[in-house]
Amino acid sequence: MKRITSLKAIRLKCLDCSNGSSNEVKLCPVADCPLHEFRLGKNPYTRRKVNIANLKAFKKAPVEKQGVRTQRIDFKESSSSVQEA
């Protein structure tokens, strides 16, 4: 007997509930069903795997390419101008 994962078993149960229509599983209106979040055969609570090569490249990229402003703020000047006013 072939073993199946729990997510596949949930998917099969949802297909059974919707008379075998995968489109009906996707559009399932029964939101209070405990299997509703798992009906598409994926666990919504697991984190996505991060591609380590892309992550390292992102960290090594210059700041301008990451969309971060590079303007420096000098707090000493702004605090002295406040005291003069």
N, C-alpha and C. Protein backbone atom coordinates (compact mmCIF):
# COMPACT_ATOMS: atom_id res chain seq x y z
N MET A 1 0.84 -1.19 0.00
CA MET A 1 0.00 0.00 0.00
C MET A 1 0.88 1.25 0.00
N LYS A 2 0.58 2.17 -0.88
CA LYS A 2 1.36 3.39 -1.00
C LYS A 2 0.94 4.39 0.07
N ARG A 3 1.91 4.99 0.74
CA ARG A 3 1.63 6.00 1.76
C ARG A 3 1.57 7.37 1.11
N ILE A 4 0.69 8.22 1.59
CA ILE A 4 0.59 9.59 1.10
C ILE A 4 0.79 10.55 2.26
N THR A 5 1.20 11.75 1.94
CA THR A 5 1.42 12.75 2.97
C THR A 5 0.07 13.27 3.48
N SER A 6 0.10 13.92 4.61
CA SER A 6 -1.13 14.46 5.17
C SER A 6 -1.72 15.56 4.29
N LEU A 7 -0.86 16.36 3.64
CA LEU A 7 -1.36 17.41 2.75
C LEU A 7 -2.06 16.82 1.53
N LYS A 8 -1.53 15.72 1.00
CA LYS A 8 -2.17 15.06 -0.12
C LYS A 8 -3.50 14.43 0.31
N ALA A 9 -3.54 13.91 1.53
CA ALA A 9 -4.78 13.34 2.04
C ALA A 9 -5.85 14.42 2.20
N ILE A 10 -5.45 15.58 2.67
CA ILE A 10 -6.39 16.70 2.80
C ILE A 10 -6.88 17.13 1.43
N ARG A 11 -5.97 17.20 0.48
CA ARG A 11 -6.34 17.57 -0.88
C ARG A 11 -7.35 16.57 -1.46
N LEU A 12 -7.11 15.28 -1.24
CA LEU A 12 -8.04 14.25 -1.72
C LEU A 12 -9.40 14.37 -1.04
N LYS A 13 -9.41 14.68 0.24
CA LYS A 13 -10.68 14.87 0.97
C LYS A 13 -11.44 16.06 0.39
N CYS A 14 -10.74 17.15 0.10
CA CYS A 14 -11.38 18.33 -0.48
C CYS A 14 -11.93 18.03 -1.87
N LEU A 15 -11.18 17.26 -2.65
CA LEU A 15 -11.67 16.86 -3.97
C LEU A 15 -12.92 15.99 -3.83
N ASP A 16 -12.92 15.10 -2.85
CA ASP A 16 -14.08 14.25 -2.60
C ASP A 16 -15.29 15.09 -2.20
N CYS A 17 -15.08 16.07 -1.36
CA CYS A 17 -16.16 16.95 -0.89
C CYS A 17 -16.76 17.77 -2.03
N SER A 18 -15.93 18.12 -3.02
CA SER A 18 -16.40 18.96 -4.13
C SER A 18 -16.67 18.15 -5.41
N ASN A 19 -16.96 16.86 -5.26
CA ASN A 19 -17.28 15.97 -6.38
C ASN A 19 -16.17 15.91 -7.43
N GLY A 20 -14.92 15.98 -7.00
CA GLY A 20 -13.79 15.81 -7.90
C GLY A 20 -13.41 17.04 -8.70
N SER A 21 -14.03 18.17 -8.46
CA SER A 21 -13.73 19.38 -9.21
C SER A 21 -12.66 20.19 -8.51
N SER A 22 -11.48 20.30 -9.13
CA SER A 22 -10.40 21.07 -8.52
C SER A 22 -10.72 22.56 -8.50
N ASN A 23 -11.52 23.02 -9.46
CA ASN A 23 -11.92 24.43 -9.46
C ASN A 23 -12.83 24.73 -8.27
N GLU A 24 -13.70 23.79 -7.93
CA GLU A 24 -14.57 23.98 -6.77
C GLU A 24 -13.78 23.97 -5.47
N VAL A 25 -12.69 23.19 -5.44
CA VAL A 25 -11.82 23.19 -4.25
C VAL A 25 -11.20 24.58 -4.10
N LYS A 26 -10.74 25.16 -5.19
CA LYS A 26 -10.12 26.48 -5.14
C LYS A 26 -11.12 27.55 -4.70
N LEU A 27 -12.36 27.42 -5.13
CA LEU A 27 -13.39 28.41 -4.83
C LEU A 27 -14.25 28.02 -3.62
N CYS A 28 -13.77 27.12 -2.81
CA CYS A 28 -14.55 26.58 -1.68
C CYS A 28 -15.09 27.69 -0.78
N PRO A 29 -16.41 27.74 -0.57
CA PRO A 29 -16.99 28.79 0.26
C PRO A 29 -17.05 28.45 1.75
N VAL A 30 -16.67 27.25 2.13
CA VAL A 30 -16.78 26.81 3.52
C VAL A 30 -15.53 27.24 4.28
N ALA A 31 -15.50 28.48 4.72
CA ALA A 31 -14.32 29.04 5.38
C ALA A 31 -14.13 28.53 6.80
N ASP A 32 -15.20 28.02 7.43
CA ASP A 32 -15.06 27.53 8.80
C ASP A 32 -14.61 26.06 8.85
N CYS A 33 -14.34 25.44 7.71
CA CYS A 33 -13.83 24.08 7.66
C CYS A 33 -12.39 24.08 8.18
N PRO A 34 -12.02 23.14 9.05
CA PRO A 34 -10.65 23.12 9.57
C PRO A 34 -9.60 22.82 8.50
N LEU A 35 -10.03 22.27 7.37
CA LEU A 35 -9.08 21.95 6.30
C LEU A 35 -9.00 23.05 5.25
N HIS A 36 -9.76 24.12 5.40
CA HIS A 36 -9.88 25.15 4.37
C HIS A 36 -8.53 25.74 3.97
N GLU A 37 -7.65 26.02 4.91
CA GLU A 37 -6.36 26.63 4.60
C GLU A 37 -5.42 25.67 3.88
N PHE A 38 -5.67 24.37 4.02
CA PHE A 38 -4.80 23.35 3.44
C PHE A 38 -5.38 22.75 2.16
N ARG A 39 -6.51 23.25 1.69
CA ARG A 39 -7.25 22.61 0.60
C ARG A 39 -6.50 22.57 -0.72
N LEU A 40 -5.54 23.45 -0.93
CA LEU A 40 -4.80 23.48 -2.19
C LEU A 40 -3.56 22.59 -2.16
N GLY A 41 -3.39 21.83 -1.08
CA GLY A 41 -2.26 20.90 -0.99
C GLY A 41 -0.97 21.55 -0.52
N LYS A 42 -1.08 22.73 0.08
CA LYS A 42 0.09 23.42 0.61
C LYS A 42 -0.18 23.86 2.04
N ASN A 43 0.87 23.84 2.85
CA ASN A 43 0.76 24.27 4.23
C ASN A 43 1.04 25.77 4.29
N PRO A 44 0.06 26.57 4.70
CA PRO A 44 0.27 28.02 4.72
C PRO A 44 1.17 28.48 5.86
N TYR A 45 1.52 27.60 6.77
CA TYR A 45 2.30 27.99 7.93
C TYR A 45 3.79 27.69 7.79
N THR A 46 4.21 27.08 6.69
CA THR A 46 5.63 26.82 6.51
C THR A 46 6.26 28.01 5.80
N ARG A 47 7.49 28.27 6.14
CA ARG A 47 8.22 29.36 5.51
C ARG A 47 8.77 28.91 4.17
N ARG A 48 8.89 29.86 3.26
CA ARG A 48 9.49 29.55 1.97
C ARG A 48 10.98 29.35 2.14
N LYS A 49 11.53 28.45 1.35
CA LYS A 49 12.96 28.26 1.38
C LYS A 49 13.62 29.41 0.63
N VAL A 50 14.67 29.95 1.22
CA VAL A 50 15.37 31.08 0.63
C VAL A 50 16.55 30.55 -0.16
N ASN A 51 16.71 31.03 -1.37
CA ASN A 51 17.85 30.67 -2.19
C ASN A 51 19.07 31.38 -1.61
N ILE A 52 20.00 30.63 -1.05
CA ILE A 52 21.16 31.20 -0.36
C ILE A 52 22.01 32.05 -1.30
N ALA A 53 22.17 31.62 -2.54
CA ALA A 53 22.99 32.39 -3.49
C ALA A 53 22.38 33.77 -3.73
N ASN A 54 21.06 33.84 -3.89
CA ASN A 54 20.41 35.14 -4.10
C ASN A 54 20.50 36.01 -2.86
N LEU A 55 20.40 35.40 -1.68
CA LEU A 55 20.48 36.16 -0.44
C LEU A 55 21.88 36.76 -0.27
N LYS A 56 22.92 35.99 -0.57
CA LYS A 56 24.29 36.50 -0.45
C LYS A 56 24.53 37.63 -1.45
N ALA A 57 24.01 37.47 -2.66
CA ALA A 57 24.17 38.52 -3.67
C ALA A 57 23.45 39.78 -3.25
N PHE A 58 22.30 39.66 -2.63
CA PHE A 58 21.53 40.81 -2.17
C PHE A 58 22.29 41.55 -1.07
N LYS A 59 22.90 40.81 -0.16
CA LYS A 59 23.63 41.44 0.94
C LYS A 59 24.88 42.15 0.46
N LYS A 60 25.50 41.64 -0.63
CA LYS A 60 26.72 42.25 -1.14
C LYS A 60 26.44 43.42 -2.07
N ALA A 61 25.22 43.58 -2.51
CA ALA A 61 24.88 44.64 -3.46
C ALA A 61 25.04 46.01 -2.80
N PRO A 62 25.41 47.02 -3.58
CA PRO A 62 25.52 48.38 -3.03
C PRO A 62 24.17 48.85 -2.49
N VAL A 63 24.21 49.75 -1.57
CA VAL A 63 23.00 50.22 -0.91
C VAL A 63 22.04 50.87 -1.89
N GLU A 64 22.55 51.60 -2.89
CA GLU A 64 21.68 52.28 -3.84
C GLU A 64 20.81 51.29 -4.61
N LYS A 65 21.34 50.11 -4.91
CA LYS A 65 20.58 49.12 -5.67
C LYS A 65 19.51 48.44 -4.84
N GLN A 66 19.57 48.55 -3.54
CA GLN A 66 18.58 47.94 -2.68
C GLN A 66 17.40 48.87 -2.43
N GLY A 67 17.43 50.06 -2.95
CA GLY A 67 16.32 50.99 -2.79
C GLY A 67 16.35 51.76 -1.49
N VAL A 68 17.51 51.89 -0.87
CA VAL A 68 17.64 52.60 0.40
C VAL A 68 18.28 53.94 0.13
N ARG A 69 17.79 54.97 0.76
CA ARG A 69 18.39 56.29 0.60
C ARG A 69 19.74 56.33 1.27
N THR A 70 20.66 57.06 0.66
CA THR A 70 22.01 57.13 1.21
C THR A 70 22.33 58.51 1.77
N GLN A 71 21.34 59.35 1.93
CA GLN A 71 21.57 60.70 2.44
C GLN A 71 21.93 60.61 3.93
N ARG A 72 23.00 61.29 4.29
CA ARG A 72 23.45 61.26 5.68
C ARG A 72 22.82 62.42 6.44
N ILE A 73 22.38 62.15 7.63
CA ILE A 73 21.78 63.18 8.47
C ILE A 73 22.74 63.46 9.62
N ASP A 74 23.11 64.70 9.78
CA ASP A 74 23.99 65.07 10.87
C ASP A 74 23.13 65.64 12.00
N PHE A 75 23.00 64.91 13.07
CA PHE A 75 22.13 65.31 14.17
C PHE A 75 22.71 66.45 15.00
N LYS A 76 24.01 66.62 15.00
CA LYS A 76 24.61 67.70 15.78
C LYS A 76 24.22 69.06 15.22
N GLU A 77 24.20 69.19 13.89
CA GLU A 77 23.82 70.46 13.29
C GLU A 77 22.35 70.78 13.53
N SER A 78 21.50 69.78 13.40
CA SER A 78 20.07 70.05 13.56
C SER A 78 19.73 70.38 15.00
N SER A 79 20.42 69.79 15.97
CA SER A 79 20.11 70.11 17.37
C SER A 79 20.60 71.51 17.75
N SER A 80 21.73 71.96 17.15
CA SER A 80 22.22 73.30 17.45
C SER A 80 21.34 74.36 16.84
N SER A 81 20.77 74.09 15.67
CA SER A 81 19.90 75.07 15.05
C SER A 81 18.58 75.20 15.82
N VAL A 82 18.18 74.14 16.48
CA VAL A 82 16.97 74.20 17.29
C VAL A 82 17.21 75.04 18.53
N GLN A 83 18.41 74.93 19.11
CA GLN A 83 18.72 75.69 20.31
C GLN A 83 18.81 77.18 20.02
N GLU A 84 19.28 77.57 18.81
CA GLU A 84 19.39 78.97 18.47
C GLU A 84 18.04 79.63 18.28
N ALA A 85 17.06 78.86 17.84
CA ALA A 85 15.75 79.43 17.54
C ALA A 85 14.97 79.72 18.76
